[in-house]
C-alpha atoms as a PDB file:
ATOM      1  CA  UNK A   1      -8.451 -51.967 -28.303  1.00  0.00           C
ATOM      2  CA  UNK A   2      -6.020 -49.599 -26.630  1.00  0.00           C
ATOM      3  CA  UNK A   3      -6.339 -45.844 -26.853  1.00  0.00           C
ATOM      4  CA  UNK A   4      -4.179 -43.995 -29.405  1.00  0.00           C
ATOM      5  CA  UNK A   5      -0.978 -42.601 -28.012  1.00  0.00           C
ATOM      6  CA  UNK A   6      -1.793 -39.084 -29.157  1.00  0.00           C
ATOM      7  CA  UNK A   7      -4.760 -37.193 -30.562  1.00  0.00           C
ATOM      8  CA  UNK A   8      -3.632 -34.461 -32.959  1.00  0.00           C
ATOM      9  CA  UNK A   9      -6.260 -31.721 -32.822  1.00  0.00           C
ATOM     10  CA  UNK A  10      -6.472 -29.095 -35.556  1.00  0.00           C
ATOM     11  CA  UNK A  11      -8.820 -26.120 -35.350  1.00  0.00           C
ATOM     12  CA  UNK A  12      -9.545 -24.004 -38.399  1.00  0.00           C
ATOM     13  CA  UNK A  13     -11.870 -21.477 -39.967  1.00  0.00           C
ATOM     14  CA  UNK A  14     -11.753 -20.219 -43.561  1.00  0.00           C
ATOM     15  CA  UNK A  15      -8.181 -21.376 -44.096  1.00  0.00           C
ATOM     16  CA  UNK A  16      -8.481 -24.335 -46.437  1.00  0.00           C
ATOM     17  CA  UNK A  17      -4.932 -23.992 -47.795  1.00  0.00           C
ATOM     18  CA  UNK A  18      -3.460 -23.852 -44.319  1.00  0.00           C
ATOM     19  CA  UNK A  19      -5.551 -26.865 -43.310  1.00  0.00           C
ATOM     20  CA  UNK A  20      -4.471 -28.773 -46.398  1.00  0.00           C
ATOM     21  CA  UNK A  21      -0.808 -28.079 -45.547  1.00  0.00           C
ATOM     22  CA  UNK A  22      -1.281 -29.228 -41.956  1.00  0.00           C
ATOM     23  CA  UNK A  23      -3.142 -32.424 -42.794  1.00  0.00           C
ATOM     24  CA  UNK A  24      -0.679 -33.291 -45.562  1.00  0.00           C
ATOM     25  CA  UNK A  25       2.133 -32.934 -43.024  1.00  0.00           C
ATOM     26  CA  UNK A  26       0.282 -35.038 -40.473  1.00  0.00           C
ATOM     27  CA  UNK A  27      -0.539 -37.754 -43.014  1.00  0.00           C
ATOM     28  CA  UNK A  28       3.106 -38.089 -43.983  1.00  0.00           C
ATOM     29  CA  UNK A  29       3.868 -38.726 -40.301  1.00  0.00           C
ATOM     30  CA  UNK A  30       1.009 -41.195 -39.837  1.00  0.00           C
ATOM     31  CA  UNK A  31       2.214 -43.297 -42.762  1.00  0.00           C
ATOM     32  CA  UNK A  32       5.426 -44.115 -40.898  1.00  0.00           C
ATOM     33  CA  UNK A  33       4.231 -43.872 -37.275  1.00  0.00           C
ATOM     34  CA  UNK A  34       4.975 -46.966 -35.179  1.00  0.00           C
ATOM     35  CA  UNK A  35       1.896 -46.452 -32.962  1.00  0.00           C
ATOM     36  CA  UNK A  36      -1.758 -45.620 -33.339  1.00  0.00           C
ATOM     37  CA  UNK A  37      -2.551 -41.924 -33.798  1.00  0.00           C
ATOM     38  CA  UNK A  38      -5.867 -40.145 -34.349  1.00  0.00           C
ATOM     39  CA  UNK A  39      -6.543 -36.777 -35.982  1.00  0.00           C
ATOM     40  CA  UNK A  40      -9.472 -34.530 -35.053  1.00  0.00           C
ATOM     41  CA  UNK A  41     -10.344 -31.444 -37.110  1.00  0.00           C
ATOM     42  CA  UNK A  42     -12.671 -28.819 -35.650  1.00  0.00           C
ATOM     43  CA  UNK A  43     -13.885 -26.383 -38.288  1.00  0.00           C
ATOM     44  CA  UNK A  44     -15.726 -23.254 -37.212  1.00  0.00           C
ATOM     45  CA  UNK A  45     -18.385 -23.398 -39.960  1.00  0.00           C
ATOM     46  CA  UNK A  46     -16.059 -22.136 -42.672  1.00  0.00           C
ATOM     47  CA  UNK A  47     -17.540 -20.430 -45.728  1.00  0.00           C
ATOM     48  CA  UNK A  48     -14.613 -21.335 -48.021  1.00  0.00           C
ATOM     49  CA  UNK A  49     -13.814 -24.774 -49.455  1.00  0.00           C
ATOM     50  CA  UNK A  50     -12.872 -26.307 -46.098  1.00  0.00           C
ATOM     51  CA  UNK A  51     -15.776 -28.741 -45.741  1.00  0.00           C
ATOM     52  CA  UNK A  52     -15.532 -29.767 -49.401  1.00  0.00           C
ATOM     53  CA  UNK A  53     -11.872 -30.602 -48.834  1.00  0.00           C
ATOM     54  CA  UNK A  54     -12.546 -32.474 -45.580  1.00  0.00           C
ATOM     55  CA  UNK A  55     -15.236 -34.507 -47.329  1.00  0.00           C
ATOM     56  CA  UNK A  56     -12.594 -35.912 -49.687  1.00  0.00           C
ATOM     57  CA  UNK A  57     -10.522 -37.409 -46.865  1.00  0.00           C
ATOM     58  CA  UNK A  58     -10.924 -41.184 -46.753  1.00  0.00           C
ATOM     59  CA  UNK A  59      -8.897 -42.163 -43.697  1.00  0.00           C
ATOM     60  CA  UNK A  60     -10.371 -43.829 -40.641  1.00  0.00           C
ATOM     61  CA  UNK A  61      -7.812 -42.110 -38.434  1.00  0.00           C
ATOM     62  CA  UNK A  62      -9.230 -38.666 -39.293  1.00  0.00           C
ATOM     63  CA  UNK A  63     -12.487 -37.314 -37.823  1.00  0.00           C
ATOM     64  CA  UNK A  64     -13.929 -33.859 -38.322  1.00  0.00           C
ATOM     65  CA  UNK A  65     -16.867 -31.652 -37.456  1.00  0.00           C
ATOM     66  CA  UNK A  66     -17.914 -28.293 -38.886  1.00  0.00           C
ATOM     67  CA  UNK A  67     -20.153 -26.046 -36.808  1.00  0.00           C
ATOM     68  CA  UNK A  68     -20.164 -22.523 -35.331  1.00  0.00           C
ATOM     69  CA  UNK A  69     -18.081 -21.922 -32.237  1.00  0.00           C
ATOM     70  CA  UNK A  70     -17.296 -19.089 -29.834  1.00  0.00           C
ATOM     71  CA  UNK A  71     -13.651 -18.866 -30.830  1.00  0.00           C
ATOM     72  CA  UNK A  72     -10.409 -20.809 -30.930  1.00  0.00           C
ATOM     73  CA  UNK A  73     -10.472 -22.054 -27.326  1.00  0.00           C
ATOM     74  CA  UNK A  74     -14.064 -23.218 -27.595  1.00  0.00           C
ATOM     75  CA  UNK A  75     -13.005 -25.129 -30.721  1.00  0.00           C
ATOM     76  CA  UNK A  76      -9.983 -26.621 -28.939  1.00  0.00           C
ATOM     77  CA  UNK A  77     -12.177 -27.737 -26.053  1.00  0.00           C
ATOM     78  CA  UNK A  78     -14.509 -29.445 -28.516  1.00  0.00           C
ATOM     79  CA  UNK A  79     -11.568 -31.304 -30.003  1.00  0.00           C
ATOM     80  CA  UNK A  80     -10.262 -32.219 -26.567  1.00  0.00           C
ATOM     81  CA  UNK A  81     -13.589 -33.730 -25.551  1.00  0.00           C
ATOM     82  CA  UNK A  82     -13.623 -35.886 -28.683  1.00  0.00           C
ATOM     83  CA  UNK A  83     -10.041 -37.042 -28.186  1.00  0.00           C
ATOM     84  CA  UNK A  84      -9.318 -40.585 -27.024  1.00  0.00           C
ATOM     85  CA  UNK A  85      -5.518 -40.331 -27.034  1.00  0.00           C
ATOM     86  CA  UNK A  86      -3.307 -40.570 -23.975  1.00  0.00           C
ATOM     87  CA  UNK A  87      -1.842 -37.222 -25.059  1.00  0.00           C
ATOM     88  CA  UNK A  88      -3.283 -34.276 -26.974  1.00  0.00           C
ATOM     89  CA  UNK A  89      -1.291 -32.236 -29.491  1.00  0.00           C
ATOM     90  CA  UNK A  90      -2.784 -29.035 -30.889  1.00  0.00           C
ATOM     91  CA  UNK A  91      -1.658 -28.074 -34.396  1.00  0.00           C
ATOM     92  CA  UNK A  92      -3.680 -25.266 -35.943  1.00  0.00           C
ATOM     93  CA  UNK A  93      -4.321 -24.923 -39.672  1.00  0.00           C
ATOM     94  CA  UNK A  94      -1.054 -23.791 -41.253  1.00  0.00           C
ATOM     95  CA  UNK A  95       1.177 -25.481 -38.658  1.00  0.00           C
ATOM     96  CA  UNK A  96       3.149 -28.578 -39.597  1.00  0.00           C
ATOM     97  CA  UNK A  97       5.730 -31.059 -38.447  1.00  0.00           C
ATOM     98  CA  UNK A  98       9.246 -29.784 -39.031  1.00  0.00           C
ATOM     99  CA  UNK A  99      10.815 -32.919 -40.499  1.00  0.00           C
ATOM    100  CA  UNK A 100       9.513 -36.087 -42.134  1.00  0.00           C
ATOM    101  CA  UNK A 101      10.428 -38.133 -39.063  1.00  0.00           C
ATOM    102  CA  UNK A 102       9.358 -35.628 -36.379  1.00  0.00           C
ATOM    103  CA  UNK A 103       6.454 -37.621 -34.970  1.00  0.00           C
ATOM    104  CA  UNK A 104       8.445 -40.847 -34.842  1.00  0.00           C
ATOM    105  CA  UNK A 105      11.283 -39.021 -33.089  1.00  0.00           C
ATOM    106  CA  UNK A 106       8.886 -37.672 -30.452  1.00  0.00           C
ATOM    107  CA  UNK A 107       7.354 -41.096 -29.913  1.00  0.00           C
ATOM    108  CA  UNK A 108      10.796 -42.690 -29.578  1.00  0.00           C
ATOM    109  CA  UNK A 109      11.539 -40.400 -26.641  1.00  0.00           C
ATOM    110  CA  UNK A 110       8.216 -40.884 -24.855  1.00  0.00           C
ATOM    111  CA  UNK A 111       8.014 -43.900 -22.549  1.00  0.00           C
ATOM    112  CA  UNK A 112       5.104 -45.825 -24.003  1.00  0.00           C
ATOM    113  CA  UNK A 113       4.907 -48.220 -21.068  1.00  0.00           C
ATOM    114  CA  UNK A 114       4.533 -45.528 -18.418  1.00  0.00           C
ATOM    115  CA  UNK A 115       2.564 -42.492 -19.486  1.00  0.00           C
ATOM    116  CA  UNK A 116       3.410 -39.628 -17.117  1.00  0.00           C
ATOM    117  CA  UNK A 117       1.033 -36.880 -16.063  1.00  0.00           C
ATOM    118  CA  UNK A 118       3.513 -34.222 -17.076  1.00  0.00           C
ATOM    119  CA  UNK A 119       3.538 -32.329 -20.362  1.00  0.00           C
ATOM    120  CA  UNK A 120       5.960 -33.400 -23.081  1.00  0.00           C
ATOM    121  CA  UNK A 121       7.806 -30.307 -24.334  1.00  0.00           C
ATOM    122  CA  UNK A 122       9.925 -30.154 -27.483  1.00  0.00           C
ATOM    123  CA  UNK A 123      11.417 -27.602 -29.857  1.00  0.00           C
ATOM    124  CA  UNK A 124       9.655 -25.490 -32.485  1.00  0.00           C
ATOM    125  CA  UNK A 125      10.396 -22.893 -35.116  1.00  0.00           C
ATOM    126  CA  UNK A 126       8.272 -19.908 -36.060  1.00  0.00           C
ATOM    127  CA  UNK A 127       7.846 -19.407 -39.800  1.00  0.00           C
ATOM    128  CA  UNK A 128       7.220 -15.845 -40.955  1.00  0.00           C
ATOM    129  CA  UNK A 129       7.839 -13.454 -43.806  1.00  0.00           C
ATOM    130  CA  UNK A 130      11.428 -12.942 -42.742  1.00  0.00           C
ATOM    131  CA  UNK A 131      12.219 -16.657 -42.477  1.00  0.00           C
ATOM    132  CA  UNK A 132      12.425 -19.048 -39.568  1.00  0.00           C
ATOM    133  CA  UNK A 133      13.370 -18.497 -35.952  1.00  0.00           C
ATOM    134  CA  UNK A 134      13.847 -21.146 -33.257  1.00  0.00           C
ATOM    135  CA  UNK A 135      11.612 -20.867 -30.204  1.00  0.00           C
ATOM    136  CA  UNK A 136      13.825 -21.398 -27.182  1.00  0.00           C
ATOM    137  CA  UNK A 137      11.382 -23.070 -24.826  1.00  0.00           C
ATOM    138  CA  UNK A 138      13.450 -25.735 -23.107  1.00  0.00           C
ATOM    139  CA  UNK A 139      14.013 -26.826 -20.464  1.00  0.00           C
ATOM    140  CA  UNK A 140      10.641 -26.201 -18.852  1.00  0.00           C
ATOM    141  CA  UNK A 141      11.144 -23.727 -16.020  1.00  0.00           C
ATOM    142  CA  UNK A 142       7.714 -23.099 -14.577  1.00  0.00           C
ATOM    143  CA  UNK A 143       8.194 -19.576 -13.220  1.00  0.00           C
ATOM    144  CA  UNK A 144       9.737 -18.349 -16.481  1.00  0.00           C
ATOM    145  CA  UNK A 145       6.619 -19.401 -18.338  1.00  0.00           C
ATOM    146  CA  UNK A 146       4.248 -18.124 -15.646  1.00  0.00           C
ATOM    147  CA  UNK A 147       5.840 -14.668 -15.566  1.00  0.00           C
ATOM    148  CA  UNK A 148       6.225 -14.317 -19.322  1.00  0.00           C
ATOM    149  CA  UNK A 149      10.021 -14.450 -19.367  1.00  0.00           C
ATOM    150  CA  UNK A 150      10.202 -17.560 -21.548  1.00  0.00           C
ATOM    151  CA  UNK A 151       6.701 -18.783 -22.326  1.00  0.00           C
ATOM    152  CA  UNK A 152       6.278 -22.116 -24.039  1.00  0.00           C
ATOM    153  CA  UNK A 153       5.180 -22.630 -27.616  1.00  0.00           C
ATOM    154  CA  UNK A 154       1.683 -24.122 -27.484  1.00  0.00           C
ATOM    155  CA  UNK A 155       2.211 -26.189 -30.643  1.00  0.00           C
ATOM    156  CA  UNK A 156       5.350 -27.794 -29.178  1.00  0.00           C
ATOM    157  CA  UNK A 157       3.618 -29.530 -26.286  1.00  0.00           C
ATOM    158  CA  UNK A 158       1.859 -32.843 -25.782  1.00  0.00           C
ATOM    159  CA  UNK A 159      -0.702 -32.473 -22.991  1.00  0.00           C
ATOM    160  CA  UNK A 160      -1.730 -35.589 -21.047  1.00  0.00           C
ATOM    161  CA  UNK A 161      -5.464 -35.997 -21.590  1.00  0.00           C
ATOM    162  CA  UNK A 162      -6.032 -36.696 -17.895  1.00  0.00           C
ATOM    163  CA  UNK A 163      -4.481 -33.316 -17.064  1.00  0.00           C
ATOM    164  CA  UNK A 164      -6.516 -31.398 -19.659  1.00  0.00           C
ATOM    165  CA  UNK A 165      -9.688 -32.990 -18.313  1.00  0.00           C
ATOM    166  CA  UNK A 166      -8.761 -32.335 -14.680  1.00  0.00           C
ATOM    167  CA  UNK A 167      -8.089 -28.658 -15.456  1.00  0.00           C
ATOM    168  CA  UNK A 168     -11.339 -28.229 -17.381  1.00  0.00           C
ATOM    169  CA  UNK A 169      -9.609 -27.476 -20.674  1.00  0.00           C
ATOM    170  CA  UNK A 170      -8.988 -23.977 -21.991  1.00  0.00           C
ATOM    171  CA  UNK A 171     -10.531 -20.960 -20.283  1.00  0.00           C
ATOM    172  CA  UNK A 172     -12.256 -18.888 -22.974  1.00  0.00           C
ATOM    173  CA  UNK A 173     -12.335 -15.752 -20.818  1.00  0.00           C
ATOM    174  CA  UNK A 174      -8.605 -15.040 -21.159  1.00  0.00           C
ATOM    175  CA  UNK A 175      -8.758 -13.540 -24.648  1.00  0.00           C
ATOM    176  CA  UNK A 176      -5.907 -14.969 -26.753  1.00  0.00           C
ATOM    177  CA  UNK A 177      -3.742 -16.201 -23.832  1.00  0.00           C
ATOM    178  CA  UNK A 178      -5.883 -19.183 -22.859  1.00  0.00           C
ATOM    179  CA  UNK A 179      -3.094 -21.483 -24.026  1.00  0.00           C
ATOM    180  CA  UNK A 180      -0.624 -19.719 -21.717  1.00  0.00           C
ATOM    181  CA  UNK A 181      -3.050 -20.289 -18.840  1.00  0.00           C
ATOM    182  CA  UNK A 182      -3.456 -24.009 -19.556  1.00  0.00           C
ATOM    183  CA  UNK A 183       0.319 -24.540 -19.847  1.00  0.00           C
ATOM    184  CA  UNK A 184       0.889 -22.652 -16.601  1.00  0.00           C
ATOM    185  CA  UNK A 185      -1.657 -24.744 -14.710  1.00  0.00           C
ATOM    186  CA  UNK A 186      -0.529 -28.016 -16.294  1.00  0.00           C
ATOM    187  CA  UNK A 187       3.039 -27.224 -15.209  1.00  0.00           C
ATOM    188  CA  UNK A 188       1.867 -27.282 -11.595  1.00  0.00           C
ATOM    189  CA  UNK A 189       0.257 -30.715 -11.959  1.00  0.00           C
ATOM    190  CA  UNK A 190       3.461 -32.654 -12.645  1.00  0.00           C
ATOM    191  CA  UNK A 191       7.017 -32.014 -13.870  1.00  0.00           C
ATOM    192  CA  UNK A 192       7.239 -31.522 -17.629  1.00  0.00           C
ATOM    193  CA  UNK A 193       9.344 -33.865 -19.703  1.00  0.00           C
ATOM    194  CA  UNK A 194      11.556 -32.040 -22.202  1.00  0.00           C
ATOM    195  CA  UNK A 195      12.746 -34.024 -25.198  1.00  0.00           C
ATOM    196  CA  UNK A 196      15.407 -33.320 -27.773  1.00  0.00           C
ATOM    197  CA  UNK A 197      14.888 -31.874 -31.215  1.00  0.00           C
ATOM    198  CA  UNK A 198      12.897 -29.265 -33.111  1.00  0.00           C
ATOM    199  CA  UNK A 199       9.750 -31.039 -34.260  1.00  0.00           C
ATOM    200  CA  UNK A 200       7.119 -28.429 -35.188  1.00  0.00           C
ATOM    201  CA  UNK A 201       6.970 -25.380 -37.453  1.00  0.00           C
ATOM    202  CA  UNK A 202       4.163 -22.947 -36.732  1.00  0.00           C
ATOM    203  CA  UNK A 203       2.938 -19.947 -38.666  1.00  0.00           C
ATOM    204  CA  UNK A 204       3.839 -16.555 -37.293  1.00  0.00           C
ATOM    205  CA  UNK A 205       1.716 -13.453 -37.666  1.00  0.00           C
ATOM    206  CA  UNK A 206      -1.067 -14.607 -35.376  1.00  0.00           C
ATOM    207  CA  UNK A 207      -2.874 -12.757 -32.614  1.00  0.00           C
ATOM    208  CA  UNK A 208       0.033 -13.031 -30.193  1.00  0.00           C
ATOM    209  CA  UNK A 209       2.232 -11.085 -32.607  1.00  0.00           C
ATOM    210  CA  UNK A 210      -0.387  -8.638 -33.806  1.00  0.00           C
ATOM    211  CA  UNK A 211      -1.310  -7.662 -30.239  1.00  0.00           C
ATOM    212  CA  UNK A 212       1.954  -8.399 -28.469  1.00  0.00           C
ATOM    213  CA  UNK A 213       1.834  -5.217 -26.388  1.00  0.00           C
ATOM    214  CA  UNK A 214      -1.306  -6.497 -24.649  1.00  0.00           C
ATOM    215  CA  UNK A 215       0.229  -9.783 -23.539  1.00  0.00           C
ATOM    216  CA  UNK A 216       1.898  -8.697 -20.247  1.00  0.00           C
ATOM    217  CA  UNK A 217      -1.379  -7.146 -19.065  1.00  0.00           C
ATOM    218  CA  UNK A 218      -3.335 -10.277 -19.987  1.00  0.00           C
ATOM    219  CA  UNK A 219      -0.814 -12.552 -18.283  1.00  0.00           C
ATOM    220  CA  UNK A 220      -1.078 -10.366 -15.183  1.00  0.00           C
ATOM    221  CA  UNK A 221      -4.840 -10.909 -15.200  1.00  0.00           C
ATOM    222  CA  UNK A 222      -4.365 -14.674 -15.468  1.00  0.00           C
ATOM    223  CA  UNK A 223      -1.889 -14.822 -12.581  1.00  0.00           C
ATOM    224  CA  UNK A 224      -3.915 -12.488 -10.362  1.00  0.00           C
ATOM    225  CA  UNK A 225      -7.021 -14.620 -10.720  1.00  0.00           C
ATOM    226  CA  UNK A 226      -5.444 -18.067 -10.697  1.00  0.00           C
ATOM    227  CA  UNK A 227      -3.270 -17.380  -7.654  1.00  0.00           C
ATOM    228  CA  UNK A 228      -5.866 -15.271  -5.820  1.00  0.00           C
ATOM    229  CA  UNK A 229      -3.456 -12.402  -5.191  1.00  0.00           C
ATOM    230  CA  UNK A 230      -4.073  -9.964  -2.394  1.00  0.00           C
ATOM    231  CA  UNK A 231      -3.794  -6.179  -3.001  1.00  0.00           C
ATOM    232  CA  UNK A 232      -0.028  -6.031  -2.421  1.00  0.00           C
ATOM    233  CA  UNK A 233       0.888  -8.884  -4.719  1.00  0.00           C
ATOM    234  CA  UNK A 234      -1.556  -7.621  -7.327  1.00  0.00           C
ATOM    235  CA  UNK A 235       0.215  -4.247  -7.403  1.00  0.00           C
ATOM    236  CA  UNK A 236       3.650  -5.880  -7.544  1.00  0.00           C
ATOM    237  CA  UNK A 237       2.613  -8.178 -10.379  1.00  0.00           C
ATOM    238  CA  UNK A 238       1.062  -5.236 -12.237  1.00  0.00           C
ATOM    239  CA  UNK A 239       4.341  -3.338 -12.011  1.00  0.00           C
ATOM    240  CA  UNK A 240       6.125  -6.386 -13.358  1.00  0.00           C
ATOM    241  CA  UNK A 241       3.697  -6.527 -16.279  1.00  0.00           C
ATOM    242  CA  UNK A 242       4.255  -2.854 -17.056  1.00  0.00           C
ATOM    243  CA  UNK A 243       8.038  -3.321 -16.955  1.00  0.00           C
ATOM    244  CA  UNK A 244       7.894  -6.380 -19.209  1.00  0.00           C
ATOM    245  CA  UNK A 245       5.659  -4.567 -21.685  1.00  0.00           C
ATOM    246  CA  UNK A 246       8.124  -1.668 -21.817  1.00  0.00           C
ATOM    247  CA  UNK A 247      10.988  -4.101 -22.389  1.00  0.00           C
ATOM    248  CA  UNK A 248       9.115  -5.739 -25.291  1.00  0.00           C
ATOM    249  CA  UNK A 249       8.500  -2.323 -26.884  1.00  0.00           C
ATOM    250  CA  UNK A 250      12.183  -1.407 -26.604  1.00  0.00           C
ATOM    251  CA  UNK A 251      13.278  -4.737 -28.104  1.00  0.00           C
ATOM    252  CA  UNK A 252      10.739  -4.442 -30.922  1.00  0.00           C
ATOM    253  CA  UNK A 253      12.037  -0.983 -31.857  1.00  0.00           C
ATOM    254  CA  UNK A 254      15.634  -2.138 -31.618  1.00  0.00           C
ATOM    255  CA  UNK A 255      14.995  -5.115 -33.882  1.00  0.00           C
ATOM    256  CA  UNK A 256      13.048  -2.967 -36.295  1.00  0.00           C
ATOM    257  CA  UNK A 257      15.916  -0.517 -36.638  1.00  0.00           C
ATOM    258  CA  UNK A 258      18.416  -3.194 -37.707  1.00  0.00           C
END
């Protein structure tokens, strides 16, 4: 038996309606998928109806566990370790595929006979109270992601499992930018493959939006540690982070005044 092409990993806690929406979207894709796919749900010991809902799922392609965790990246690492797919795709509760044929369209553009070590990057839209906005994350330009100019959407990436394992998964110590760190490091392992189309819709309003002003400082910490900066480069990168944070504040005020 060959491994599934992709393991779709969904982490959740006390968001049964969001989880239901995500799994319904995934199931609609699985029903028409031309290749084998597996779904792994990692629930952080929810106190709502999450486990009752998961217990009703009768599909051999779906596995789930419910237990306490240390946070979202701990949960993602648990899912990653359970995954048997060539690629791993992380869709959190509330996220969904953008169209009915999204998964098939991704698969059609991935070379099944020669699985690369590079990430597969595609388009996404953010869904919020004010509507939808396209995330412009292609093509993959490593330095633009690494320096926060055009970071990639985590939900719009397939990670090769061999790369996730080689990198040790997500680093929990980087607050809510552990996904940024993994994408940055994975981008150094092999060239990313960018494919056409917008294929994922993810829920806005998460931590990255609520605490956006903190992001440049956190990304500075990631770069400083990962690249082992000396004092001079550390200062230069810190100034860059301050400048980028100021730019984000100006843009936020400008957009809010419209």
